[in-house]
Amino acid sequence: MKGMNPKQKTPPQAAGLGYPLIEKLLETEDFNRINKSFSETYKRLEKIFQDGSQGLKKQKDARKAMTAYEYTTGLIRELLKVKYEILEQQKSQSKEKNK
C-alpha cells in the first residue's frame, strides 16, 4: 500500500482520522480561540450580506460562507455529542466487566 511502512500492518492514517486540529479541539474542548474567530468572521460576513451596495455576487458569496460556518459549528456539536456517547458506552462496558 502506498505510503505504508512494510513492517506496519495498518495504514498511517489509521492512528488518527486525518484531521489533527479537529481531533485536538474535540479532545481538549478548548473552544475559546475558534469561537472568537468564528464570531468575528461571521459578523463581517453578515455585514457584507446586509450591505446591498457591494453587489449581489458578494451577498451570495457571503451567504454561502455563513452557511458553511453554520454547518461547521453544527458538525463540531455533533462530533462532541458522539464523543460523549462513546465515553458513556465505554463507561457502561467497563462497569459490566467489573461485575
Protein backbone atom coordinates (compact mmCIF):
# COMPACT_ATOMS: atom_id res chain seq x y z
CA MET A 1 0.00 0.00 0.00
CA LYS A 2 1.37 3.44 -0.94
CA GLY A 3 2.80 5.43 1.99
CA MET A 4 2.80 2.37 4.23
CA ASN A 5 5.84 1.11 6.09
CA PRO A 6 6.32 -2.60 5.16
CA LYS A 7 6.50 -3.51 8.88
CA GLN A 8 3.28 -1.63 9.60
CA LYS A 9 0.06 -3.61 9.45
CA THR A 10 -2.26 -0.62 9.20
CA PRO A 11 -2.10 2.50 7.05
CA PRO A 12 -0.59 5.60 8.72
CA GLN A 13 -3.92 7.44 8.85
CA ALA A 14 -5.45 4.64 10.93
CA ALA A 15 -3.85 6.14 14.05
CA GLY A 16 -5.92 9.30 13.56
CA LEU A 17 -8.66 10.31 11.21
CA GLY A 18 -6.50 12.79 9.31
CA TYR A 19 -7.94 15.88 10.96
CA PRO A 20 -5.46 16.53 13.79
CA LEU A 21 -6.71 20.05 14.55
CA ILE A 22 -10.32 18.91 14.86
CA GLU A 23 -9.28 15.88 16.91
CA LYS A 24 -7.28 18.09 19.29
CA LEU A 25 -10.17 20.54 19.54
CA LEU A 26 -12.60 17.76 20.45
CA GLU A 27 -10.17 16.20 22.93
CA THR A 28 -9.35 19.42 24.76
CA GLU A 29 -12.72 21.12 24.26
CA ASP A 30 -10.90 24.45 24.28
CA PHE A 31 -13.20 26.40 22.00
CA ASN A 32 -12.23 29.93 23.07
CA ARG A 33 -9.96 30.69 20.11
CA ILE A 34 -12.21 29.13 17.49
CA ASN A 35 -15.35 30.74 18.97
CA LYS A 36 -13.72 34.16 18.83
CA SER A 37 -12.53 33.65 15.26
CA PHE A 38 -15.86 32.27 14.04
CA SER A 39 -17.81 35.02 15.77
CA GLU A 40 -15.70 37.84 14.31
CA THR A 41 -15.73 36.38 10.82
CA TYR A 42 -19.45 35.64 10.91
CA LYS A 43 -20.20 39.24 11.93
CA ARG A 44 -18.15 40.54 9.00
CA LEU A 45 -19.98 38.20 6.65
CA GLU A 46 -23.33 39.40 8.00
CA LYS A 47 -22.35 42.99 7.29
CA ILE A 48 -21.40 42.10 3.72
CA PHE A 49 -24.63 40.19 3.28
CA GLN A 50 -26.75 43.04 4.60
CA ASP A 51 -24.88 45.72 2.64
CA GLY A 52 -26.60 45.80 -0.74
CA SER A 53 -24.09 48.29 -2.16
CA GLN A 54 -21.41 45.64 -2.65
CA GLY A 55 -23.39 43.76 -5.24
CA LEU A 56 -25.46 40.64 -5.45
CA LYS A 57 -22.49 38.31 -6.06
CA LYS A 58 -20.76 39.42 -2.85
CA GLN A 59 -24.02 39.00 -0.95
CA LYS A 60 -24.48 35.47 -2.33
CA ASP A 61 -20.87 34.57 -1.54
CA ALA A 62 -21.22 35.93 1.99
CA ARG A 63 -24.41 33.90 2.49
CA LYS A 64 -22.64 30.75 1.27
CA ALA A 65 -19.76 31.37 3.66
CA MET A 66 -22.19 31.99 6.54
CA THR A 67 -23.91 28.71 5.74
CA ALA A 68 -20.54 26.93 5.73
CA TYR A 69 -19.77 28.36 9.17
CA GLU A 70 -23.18 27.22 10.43
CA TYR A 71 -22.59 23.70 9.09
CA THR A 72 -19.12 23.62 10.63
CA THR A 73 -20.34 24.59 14.09
CA GLY A 74 -23.17 22.07 13.77
CA LEU A 75 -20.68 19.38 12.81
CA ILE A 76 -18.49 20.17 15.82
CA ARG A 77 -21.53 19.95 18.10
CA GLU A 78 -22.48 16.61 16.56
CA LEU A 79 -18.93 15.27 16.96
CA LEU A 80 -18.96 16.27 20.63
CA LYS A 81 -22.29 14.51 21.06
CA VAL A 82 -20.83 11.34 19.53
CA LYS A 83 -17.74 11.67 21.73
CA TYR A 84 -19.89 11.75 24.87
CA GLU A 85 -21.99 8.83 23.65
CA ILE A 86 -18.83 6.76 23.08
CA LEU A 87 -17.47 7.72 26.50
CA GLU A 88 -20.78 6.70 28.09
CA GLN A 89 -20.71 3.36 26.25
CA GLN A 90 -17.15 2.74 27.41
CA LYS A 91 -18.15 3.54 30.97
CA SER A 92 -21.09 1.12 30.75
CA GLN A 93 -18.92 -1.62 29.28
CA SER A 94 -16.31 -1.08 31.98
CA LYS A 95 -18.98 -1.42 34.70
CA GLU A 96 -20.27 -4.64 33.10
CA LYS A 97 -16.77 -6.14 33.02
CA ASN A 98 -16.26 -5.33 36.69
CA LYS A 99 -19.44 -7.15 37.76
